[in-house]
N, C-alpha and C. Protein backbone atom coordinates (compact mmCIF):
# COMPACT_ATOMS: atom_id res chain seq x y z
N MET A 1 69.90 42.93 86.09
CA MET A 1 69.37 44.27 86.20
C MET A 1 70.53 45.21 86.53
N LYS A 2 70.64 46.25 85.75
CA LYS A 2 71.72 47.21 85.94
C LYS A 2 71.25 48.30 86.89
N LYS A 3 72.10 48.65 87.84
CA LYS A 3 71.75 49.66 88.82
C LYS A 3 72.65 50.86 88.64
N ASN A 4 72.05 52.02 88.52
CA ASN A 4 72.82 53.26 88.40
C ASN A 4 72.58 54.11 89.64
N PHE A 5 73.60 54.17 90.47
CA PHE A 5 73.48 54.98 91.69
C PHE A 5 74.00 56.39 91.46
N ASN A 6 74.67 56.63 90.36
CA ASN A 6 75.27 57.94 90.11
C ASN A 6 74.43 58.79 89.17
N ILE A 7 73.13 58.54 89.12
CA ILE A 7 72.25 59.34 88.27
C ILE A 7 72.04 60.69 88.94
N ALA A 8 72.20 61.74 88.16
CA ALA A 8 72.02 63.09 88.70
C ALA A 8 70.55 63.31 89.04
N GLY A 9 70.31 63.95 90.17
CA GLY A 9 68.95 64.22 90.60
C GLY A 9 68.79 65.67 90.98
N ILE A 10 67.67 65.98 91.60
CA ILE A 10 67.35 67.36 91.97
C ILE A 10 68.34 67.88 93.01
N ARG A 11 68.92 67.00 93.83
CA ARG A 11 69.88 67.45 94.84
C ARG A 11 71.20 67.90 94.23
N ASP A 12 71.45 67.51 92.98
CA ASP A 12 72.70 67.87 92.33
C ASP A 12 72.64 69.22 91.61
N VAL A 13 71.46 69.81 91.52
CA VAL A 13 71.30 71.10 90.85
C VAL A 13 71.83 72.19 91.78
N LYS A 14 72.63 73.08 91.22
CA LYS A 14 73.18 74.16 92.04
C LYS A 14 72.09 75.17 92.37
N SER A 15 72.11 75.64 93.60
CA SER A 15 71.13 76.62 94.04
C SER A 15 71.78 78.00 94.11
N MET A 16 70.98 78.98 94.39
CA MET A 16 71.49 80.35 94.53
C MET A 16 72.50 80.41 95.68
N HIS A 17 72.23 79.65 96.74
CA HIS A 17 73.12 79.67 97.90
C HIS A 17 74.47 79.02 97.57
N SER A 18 74.42 77.89 96.82
CA SER A 18 75.66 77.16 96.56
C SER A 18 76.58 77.90 95.57
N ILE A 19 76.00 78.74 94.72
CA ILE A 19 76.87 79.48 93.80
C ILE A 19 77.27 80.84 94.36
N GLY A 20 76.67 81.22 95.49
CA GLY A 20 77.06 82.46 96.17
C GLY A 20 76.39 83.71 95.64
N ALA A 21 75.34 83.56 94.84
CA ALA A 21 74.64 84.73 94.30
C ALA A 21 73.68 85.29 95.35
N ARG A 22 73.61 86.61 95.42
CA ARG A 22 72.70 87.28 96.35
C ARG A 22 71.93 88.35 95.60
N CYS A 23 70.74 88.66 96.11
CA CYS A 23 69.92 89.66 95.45
C CYS A 23 70.33 91.08 95.86
N ILE A 24 71.05 91.21 96.97
CA ILE A 24 71.48 92.52 97.44
C ILE A 24 72.94 92.72 97.02
N PRO A 25 73.27 93.88 96.49
CA PRO A 25 74.68 94.13 96.14
C PRO A 25 75.57 94.03 97.38
N LYS A 26 76.81 93.64 97.16
CA LYS A 26 77.74 93.40 98.26
C LYS A 26 77.94 94.63 99.14
N VAL A 27 77.88 95.80 98.56
CA VAL A 27 78.09 97.03 99.30
C VAL A 27 76.96 97.24 100.32
N LEU A 28 75.73 96.85 99.96
CA LEU A 28 74.58 97.13 100.82
C LEU A 28 74.28 96.03 101.84
N ARG A 29 74.79 94.84 101.65
CA ARG A 29 74.42 93.76 102.55
C ARG A 29 75.29 93.73 103.81
N SER A 30 74.76 93.13 104.84
CA SER A 30 75.42 93.09 106.13
C SER A 30 76.25 91.81 106.25
N SER A 31 77.45 91.94 106.76
CA SER A 31 78.30 90.77 106.99
C SER A 31 77.72 89.90 108.09
N TYR A 32 77.03 90.54 109.06
CA TYR A 32 76.41 89.78 110.14
C TYR A 32 75.31 88.87 109.61
N LEU A 33 74.54 89.38 108.66
CA LEU A 33 73.47 88.58 108.07
C LEU A 33 74.06 87.40 107.30
N GLU A 34 75.12 87.65 106.55
CA GLU A 34 75.78 86.58 105.81
C GLU A 34 76.33 85.51 106.76
N LEU A 35 76.94 85.96 107.85
CA LEU A 35 77.47 85.04 108.84
C LEU A 35 76.35 84.21 109.45
N TYR A 36 75.24 84.86 109.78
CA TYR A 36 74.10 84.16 110.35
C TYR A 36 73.57 83.11 109.38
N LEU A 37 73.41 83.45 108.13
CA LEU A 37 72.89 82.52 107.13
C LEU A 37 73.84 81.34 106.93
N CYS A 38 75.14 81.61 106.92
CA CYS A 38 76.12 80.54 106.76
C CYS A 38 76.09 79.58 107.95
N LYS A 39 75.95 80.13 109.16
CA LYS A 39 75.89 79.28 110.35
C LYS A 39 74.61 78.44 110.36
N LYS A 40 73.50 79.03 109.93
CA LYS A 40 72.24 78.29 109.84
C LYS A 40 72.38 77.13 108.86
N GLU A 41 72.97 77.39 107.71
CA GLU A 41 73.16 76.36 106.70
C GLU A 41 74.11 75.27 107.21
N MET A 42 75.15 75.68 107.92
CA MET A 42 76.09 74.73 108.49
C MET A 42 75.39 73.83 109.50
N GLY A 43 74.57 74.40 110.35
CA GLY A 43 73.81 73.62 111.33
C GLY A 43 72.87 72.64 110.66
N ARG A 44 72.21 73.08 109.60
CA ARG A 44 71.29 72.21 108.87
C ARG A 44 72.03 71.02 108.26
N LEU A 45 73.19 71.29 107.68
CA LEU A 45 73.97 70.23 107.06
C LEU A 45 74.53 69.25 108.09
N GLU A 46 74.95 69.76 109.25
CA GLU A 46 75.43 68.88 110.31
C GLU A 46 74.30 67.97 110.81
N LYS A 47 73.10 68.54 110.92
CA LYS A 47 71.94 67.76 111.33
C LYS A 47 71.64 66.67 110.29
N GLU A 48 71.75 67.01 109.03
CA GLU A 48 71.50 66.05 107.96
C GLU A 48 72.54 64.91 108.01
N ILE A 49 73.79 65.25 108.28
CA ILE A 49 74.83 64.21 108.40
C ILE A 49 74.51 63.29 109.57
N PHE A 50 74.05 63.84 110.69
CA PHE A 50 73.69 63.03 111.85
C PHE A 50 72.56 62.06 111.50
N ILE A 51 71.55 62.55 110.79
CA ILE A 51 70.42 61.70 110.38
C ILE A 51 70.88 60.60 109.44
N LEU A 52 71.75 60.96 108.49
CA LEU A 52 72.26 59.97 107.54
C LEU A 52 73.10 58.90 108.24
N ASP A 53 73.87 59.30 109.25
CA ASP A 53 74.66 58.33 110.02
C ASP A 53 73.74 57.36 110.77
N LYS A 54 72.65 57.88 111.34
CA LYS A 54 71.70 57.02 112.03
C LYS A 54 71.08 56.03 111.05
N LYS A 55 70.74 56.50 109.87
CA LYS A 55 70.16 55.61 108.86
C LYS A 55 71.17 54.56 108.44
N ARG A 56 72.42 54.97 108.27
CA ARG A 56 73.47 54.03 107.86
C ARG A 56 73.64 52.94 108.92
N ASN A 57 73.67 53.32 110.19
CA ASN A 57 73.80 52.34 111.27
C ASN A 57 72.62 51.37 111.27
N SER A 58 71.42 51.91 111.09
CA SER A 58 70.22 51.08 111.06
C SER A 58 70.27 50.09 109.90
N VAL A 59 70.66 50.56 108.73
CA VAL A 59 70.73 49.70 107.56
C VAL A 59 71.81 48.63 107.74
N ASN A 60 72.94 49.00 108.33
CA ASN A 60 73.99 48.02 108.57
C ASN A 60 73.51 46.93 109.53
N MET A 61 72.77 47.30 110.56
CA MET A 61 72.23 46.31 111.49
C MET A 61 71.26 45.37 110.78
N GLN A 62 70.41 45.92 109.91
CA GLN A 62 69.48 45.09 109.16
C GLN A 62 70.21 44.15 108.21
N LEU A 63 71.27 44.65 107.57
CA LEU A 63 72.06 43.80 106.68
C LEU A 63 72.71 42.65 107.44
N GLU A 64 73.24 42.93 108.63
CA GLU A 64 73.83 41.87 109.45
C GLU A 64 72.79 40.83 109.83
N SER A 65 71.60 41.29 110.20
CA SER A 65 70.52 40.38 110.59
C SER A 65 70.13 39.49 109.41
N ILE A 66 69.99 40.07 108.25
CA ILE A 66 69.62 39.30 107.06
C ILE A 66 70.74 38.32 106.70
N GLY A 67 71.99 38.75 106.85
CA GLY A 67 73.11 37.86 106.59
C GLY A 67 73.09 36.65 107.50
N LYS A 68 72.78 36.86 108.79
CA LYS A 68 72.69 35.75 109.74
C LYS A 68 71.57 34.80 109.34
N GLN A 69 70.42 35.35 108.93
CA GLN A 69 69.30 34.51 108.52
C GLN A 69 69.68 33.68 107.29
N ILE A 70 70.37 34.31 106.34
CA ILE A 70 70.77 33.60 105.13
C ILE A 70 71.71 32.45 105.47
N ARG A 71 72.70 32.72 106.33
CA ARG A 71 73.64 31.66 106.72
C ARG A 71 72.91 30.52 107.43
N LYS A 72 71.95 30.87 108.31
CA LYS A 72 71.19 29.85 109.04
C LYS A 72 70.38 28.99 108.06
N LEU A 73 69.71 29.63 107.11
CA LEU A 73 68.90 28.89 106.14
C LEU A 73 69.76 28.03 105.23
N GLN A 74 70.93 28.53 104.83
CA GLN A 74 71.82 27.73 104.00
C GLN A 74 72.29 26.49 104.76
N LYS A 75 72.59 26.66 106.05
CA LYS A 75 73.01 25.53 106.86
C LYS A 75 71.89 24.50 106.97
N GLU A 76 70.65 24.97 107.16
CA GLU A 76 69.51 24.06 107.24
C GLU A 76 69.33 23.29 105.94
N ILE A 77 69.50 23.96 104.82
CA ILE A 77 69.35 23.31 103.51
C ILE A 77 70.42 22.24 103.34
N ILE A 78 71.65 22.56 103.71
CA ILE A 78 72.74 21.58 103.59
C ILE A 78 72.47 20.38 104.48
N ASP A 79 71.99 20.61 105.71
CA ASP A 79 71.67 19.51 106.63
C ASP A 79 70.55 18.64 106.07
N GLU A 80 69.53 19.27 105.48
CA GLU A 80 68.43 18.52 104.88
C GLU A 80 68.93 17.64 103.74
N GLN A 81 69.81 18.19 102.91
CA GLN A 81 70.34 17.43 101.79
C GLN A 81 71.16 16.24 102.29
N LYS A 82 71.92 16.43 103.35
CA LYS A 82 72.70 15.32 103.93
C LYS A 82 71.76 14.24 104.47
N ASN A 83 70.71 14.66 105.18
CA ASN A 83 69.76 13.70 105.74
C ASN A 83 69.03 12.93 104.64
N ARG A 84 68.68 13.58 103.56
CA ARG A 84 68.01 12.91 102.45
C ARG A 84 68.93 11.88 101.82
N SER A 85 70.19 12.24 101.63
CA SER A 85 71.11 11.30 100.99
C SER A 85 71.34 10.09 101.89
N ILE A 86 71.32 10.27 103.20
CA ILE A 86 71.50 9.15 104.13
C ILE A 86 70.25 8.26 104.10
N LYS A 87 69.06 8.83 104.05
CA LYS A 87 67.83 8.05 104.04
C LYS A 87 67.64 7.30 102.72
N ASN A 88 68.08 7.84 101.63
CA ASN A 88 67.87 7.23 100.33
C ASN A 88 68.79 6.05 100.06
N THR A 89 69.88 5.94 100.76
CA THR A 89 70.80 4.82 100.55
C THR A 89 70.47 3.72 101.56
N PRO A 90 70.00 2.57 101.08
CA PRO A 90 69.67 1.49 102.03
C PRO A 90 70.94 0.89 102.62
N SER A 91 70.86 0.57 103.89
CA SER A 91 72.02 0.00 104.56
C SER A 91 72.11 -1.51 104.30
N LYS A 92 70.98 -2.18 104.18
CA LYS A 92 70.95 -3.62 103.92
C LYS A 92 70.03 -3.88 102.73
N SER A 93 70.28 -4.97 102.06
CA SER A 93 69.38 -5.33 100.97
C SER A 93 68.10 -5.92 101.57
N ILE A 94 67.01 -5.68 100.93
CA ILE A 94 65.71 -6.13 101.43
C ILE A 94 65.50 -7.59 101.02
N LYS A 95 65.09 -8.43 101.95
CA LYS A 95 64.82 -9.84 101.67
C LYS A 95 63.36 -9.98 101.27
N LEU A 96 63.13 -10.70 100.20
CA LEU A 96 61.77 -10.92 99.71
C LEU A 96 61.33 -12.35 100.03
N MET A 97 60.07 -12.49 100.28
CA MET A 97 59.55 -13.82 100.60
C MET A 97 58.17 -13.93 99.94
N SER A 98 57.92 -15.04 99.30
CA SER A 98 56.63 -15.21 98.66
C SER A 98 55.61 -15.76 99.65
N VAL A 99 54.39 -15.32 99.53
CA VAL A 99 53.34 -15.73 100.44
C VAL A 99 52.26 -16.41 99.60
N LYS A 100 51.82 -17.58 100.01
CA LYS A 100 50.77 -18.31 99.30
C LYS A 100 49.52 -18.33 100.18
N TYR A 101 48.35 -18.12 99.56
CA TYR A 101 47.09 -18.12 100.30
C TYR A 101 46.37 -19.39 100.09
């Protein structure tokens, strides 16, 4: 199965904010308002980075846990195979004796 992680999605579409377009002409708009909007956007993006870092840490912990389980199960399988091979090989030949009734 082929996995494409670089497929463009809705987050990749440029918005009015990202291209810098405004509905008010530059002469009429306030620099304070622009500064406020930029700071709000910066705060939102920092918050998003924090959330993504938390998710990344959580996923890494889950991956480590699953890795430990896989190693444990592989070890159990190897031990079972060793025990089966030991049980299947007889140590002594079986002596047969005929019985008459």
